[in-house]
Every structure is written in structure tokens, then in C-alpha cells.
Amino acid sequence: MGEVLLGCSGWNYPDTADKGGWTGVFYPDKETKRLRYYSQFFDTAEMDSSFYEKFYSQMTKGTFIGMARATPEKFQFSIKVPETITHVKKTRCQ
């Protein structure tokens, strides 16, 4: 039988609940290392910041190494393909 992974569409929601964030609701406080804490409860997470050029252009190999070190060995990420591939280059090819 296959394995089912449970996760959310992200983990970095630092605001308080009144502003749409998870601090005080899921995360104990603003000092909490969010990815490390999140990965104690969930098996996977979507990383959508890789979709946006303004974030993707600043990511390095170290970004991903840090994420891997912050999570358990079997934790899995779903990384979104950058919009330059799914949207911008698609329209250029048509």
C-alpha cells in the first residue's frame, strides 16, 4: 500500500492570526524556527516561493541545504517550478 504524506501549502506564516498568520495559533511565538517546528507535525510542505522570480533569484544551494538540515530525514518538499518556465517562456514559444 502507498504512503500518504500530510502537509500544507507552506510553512512561513509569521503573522498573528488576526493578520492571517499562524503565530499564537500553531507557532508558539515569533521566535519559533518555523520550518523546524512545522516539520515535527507534518511530513511534507509545498515551497511556492520558488515560483516567484523575486524570491527564486535570491535562492542558492545553501537555501536548500538549510531547509534539508532543518527537517527530519524523511521530510519531503514539493518545489514549484519557477513562473519563468511555466508562464513567461510558455508564452514566448506560442
C-alpha atoms as a PDB file:
ATOM      1  CA  MET A   1       0.000   0.000   0.000  1.00  0.00           C
ATOM      2  CA  GLY A   2       1.226   3.516  -0.783  1.00  0.00           C
ATOM      3  CA  GLU A   3       2.371   6.076   1.725  1.00  0.00           C
ATOM      4  CA  VAL A   4       0.280   9.173   2.419  1.00  0.00           C
ATOM      5  CA  LEU A   5       2.080  12.391   3.328  1.00  0.00           C
ATOM      6  CA  LEU A   6       0.275  15.186   5.125  1.00  0.00           C
ATOM      7  CA  GLY A   7       1.330  18.792   4.744  1.00  0.00           C
ATOM      8  CA  CYS A   8       0.323  22.357   3.951  1.00  0.00           C
ATOM      9  CA  SER A   9       0.866  24.753   1.089  1.00  0.00           C
ATOM     10  CA  GLY A  10       3.658  26.431   3.020  1.00  0.00           C
ATOM     11  CA  TRP A  11       5.076  26.916   6.494  1.00  0.00           C
ATOM     12  CA  ASN A  12       6.263  30.512   6.678  1.00  0.00           C
ATOM     13  CA  TYR A  13       3.268  32.391   8.061  1.00  0.00           C
ATOM     14  CA  PRO A  14       4.831  34.586  10.779  1.00  0.00           C
ATOM     15  CA  ASP A  15       1.943  36.988  11.386  1.00  0.00           C
ATOM     16  CA  THR A  16      -0.595  36.549  14.161  1.00  0.00           C
ATOM     17  CA  ALA A  17      -3.978  35.011  13.397  1.00  0.00           C
ATOM     18  CA  ASP A  18      -5.730  38.389  13.096  1.00  0.00           C
ATOM     19  CA  LYS A  19      -3.420  39.120  10.141  1.00  0.00           C
ATOM     20  CA  GLY A  20      -3.763  35.673   8.572  1.00  0.00           C
ATOM     21  CA  GLY A  21      -0.663  34.117  10.135  1.00  0.00           C
ATOM     22  CA  TRP A  22      -0.036  31.141  12.362  1.00  0.00           C
ATOM     23  CA  THR A  23       1.815  32.735  15.283  1.00  0.00           C
ATOM     24  CA  GLY A  24      -0.091  32.130  18.500  1.00  0.00           C
ATOM     25  CA  VAL A  25      -2.315  29.568  16.780  1.00  0.00           C
ATOM     26  CA  PHE A  26       0.164  26.966  15.518  1.00  0.00           C
ATOM     27  CA  TYR A  27       3.560  28.520  16.203  1.00  0.00           C
ATOM     28  CA  PRO A  28       4.090  29.312  19.896  1.00  0.00           C
ATOM     29  CA  ASP A  29       5.720  32.719  19.282  1.00  0.00           C
ATOM     30  CA  LYS A  30       7.587  34.877  16.761  1.00  0.00           C
ATOM     31  CA  GLU A  31      10.951  33.410  17.840  1.00  0.00           C
ATOM     32  CA  THR A  32       9.945  29.878  16.788  1.00  0.00           C
ATOM     33  CA  LYS A  33      12.035  28.388  13.964  1.00  0.00           C
ATOM     34  CA  ARG A  34       9.023  27.829  11.759  1.00  0.00           C
ATOM     35  CA  LEU A  35      10.230  25.126   9.335  1.00  0.00           C
ATOM     36  CA  ARG A  36      11.870  23.100  12.105  1.00  0.00           C
ATOM     37  CA  TYR A  37       8.718  23.342  14.241  1.00  0.00           C
ATOM     38  CA  TYR A  38       6.350  22.637  11.322  1.00  0.00           C
ATOM     39  CA  SER A  39       8.272  19.512  10.326  1.00  0.00           C
ATOM     40  CA  GLN A  40       7.661  17.985  13.759  1.00  0.00           C
ATOM     41  CA  PHE A  41       3.949  17.724  12.888  1.00  0.00           C
ATOM     42  CA  PHE A  42       3.831  17.330   9.099  1.00  0.00           C
ATOM     43  CA  ASP A  43       5.601  15.069   6.573  1.00  0.00           C
ATOM     44  CA  THR A  44       5.742  17.467   3.641  1.00  0.00           C
ATOM     45  CA  ALA A  45       5.281  21.089   2.586  1.00  0.00           C
ATOM     46  CA  GLU A  46       4.901  22.970  -0.639  1.00  0.00           C
ATOM     47  CA  MET A  47       7.548  25.596  -1.338  1.00  0.00           C
ATOM     48  CA  ASP A  48       5.869  28.153  -3.542  1.00  0.00           C
ATOM     49  CA  SER A  49       8.459  30.926  -3.135  1.00  0.00           C
ATOM     50  CA  SER A  50      10.475  29.150  -5.845  1.00  0.00           C
ATOM     51  CA  PHE A  51       7.688  30.118  -8.259  1.00  0.00           C
ATOM     52  CA  TYR A  52       8.280  33.855  -7.905  1.00  0.00           C
ATOM     53  CA  GLU A  53      11.303  35.456  -9.591  1.00  0.00           C
ATOM     54  CA  LYS A  54      11.834  37.964  -6.776  1.00  0.00           C
ATOM     55  CA  PHE A  55      12.442  35.060  -4.355  1.00  0.00           C
ATOM     56  CA  TYR A  56      13.882  32.434  -6.714  1.00  0.00           C
ATOM     57  CA  SER A  57      16.615  34.753  -7.954  1.00  0.00           C
ATOM     58  CA  GLN A  58      17.955  35.037  -4.393  1.00  0.00           C
ATOM     59  CA  MET A  59      17.978  31.299  -3.638  1.00  0.00           C
ATOM     60  CA  THR A  60      21.269  29.444  -3.533  1.00  0.00           C
ATOM     61  CA  LYS A  61      22.357  25.887  -2.961  1.00  0.00           C
ATOM     62  CA  GLY A  62      22.665  26.929   0.678  1.00  0.00           C
ATOM     63  CA  THR A  63      18.963  27.764   0.799  1.00  0.00           C
ATOM     64  CA  PHE A  64      18.071  24.167   0.060  1.00  0.00           C
ATOM     65  CA  ILE A  65      20.809  22.704   2.256  1.00  0.00           C
ATOM     66  CA  GLY A  66      19.494  24.772   5.167  1.00  0.00           C
ATOM     67  CA  MET A  67      15.957  23.562   4.564  1.00  0.00           C
ATOM     68  CA  ALA A  68      17.104  19.957   4.472  1.00  0.00           C
ATOM     69  CA  ARG A  69      19.060  20.377   7.704  1.00  0.00           C
ATOM     70  CA  ALA A  70      16.059  21.964   9.446  1.00  0.00           C
ATOM     71  CA  THR A  71      13.795  18.984   8.757  1.00  0.00           C
ATOM     72  CA  PRO A  72      13.794  15.257   9.546  1.00  0.00           C
ATOM     73  CA  GLU A  73      15.484  12.923   7.047  1.00  0.00           C
ATOM     74  CA  LYS A  74      12.241  11.635   5.515  1.00  0.00           C
ATOM     75  CA  PHE A  75      10.588  15.072   5.214  1.00  0.00           C
ATOM     76  CA  GLN A  76       9.658  15.940   1.624  1.00  0.00           C
ATOM     77  CA  PHE A  77       9.249  19.248  -0.172  1.00  0.00           C
ATOM     78  CA  SER A  78       7.134  19.948  -3.204  1.00  0.00           C
ATOM     79  CA  ILE A  79       9.015  22.676  -5.058  1.00  0.00           C
ATOM     80  CA  LYS A  80       7.036  24.791  -7.511  1.00  0.00           C
ATOM     81  CA  VAL A  81       8.616  25.317 -10.910  1.00  0.00           C
ATOM     82  CA  PRO A  82       9.560  28.990 -11.479  1.00  0.00           C
ATOM     83  CA  GLU A  83       6.982  31.103 -13.302  1.00  0.00           C
ATOM     84  CA  THR A  84       9.568  31.961 -15.957  1.00  0.00           C
ATOM     85  CA  ILE A  85       9.252  28.347 -17.102  1.00  0.00           C
ATOM     86  CA  THR A  86       5.507  27.796 -16.638  1.00  0.00           C
ATOM     87  CA  HIS A  87       4.251  31.221 -17.736  1.00  0.00           C
ATOM     88  CA  VAL A  88       6.831  33.504 -19.355  1.00  0.00           C
ATOM     89  CA  LYS A  89       8.672  31.042 -21.626  1.00  0.00           C
ATOM     90  CA  LYS A  90       5.391  29.315 -22.467  1.00  0.00           C
ATOM     91  CA  THR A  91       4.001  32.497 -23.989  1.00  0.00           C
ATOM     92  CA  ARG A  92       7.243  33.146 -25.882  1.00  0.00           C
ATOM     93  CA  CYS A  93       7.007  29.747 -27.560  1.00  0.00           C
ATOM     94  CA  GLN A  94       3.496  30.258 -28.897  1.00  0.00           C
END
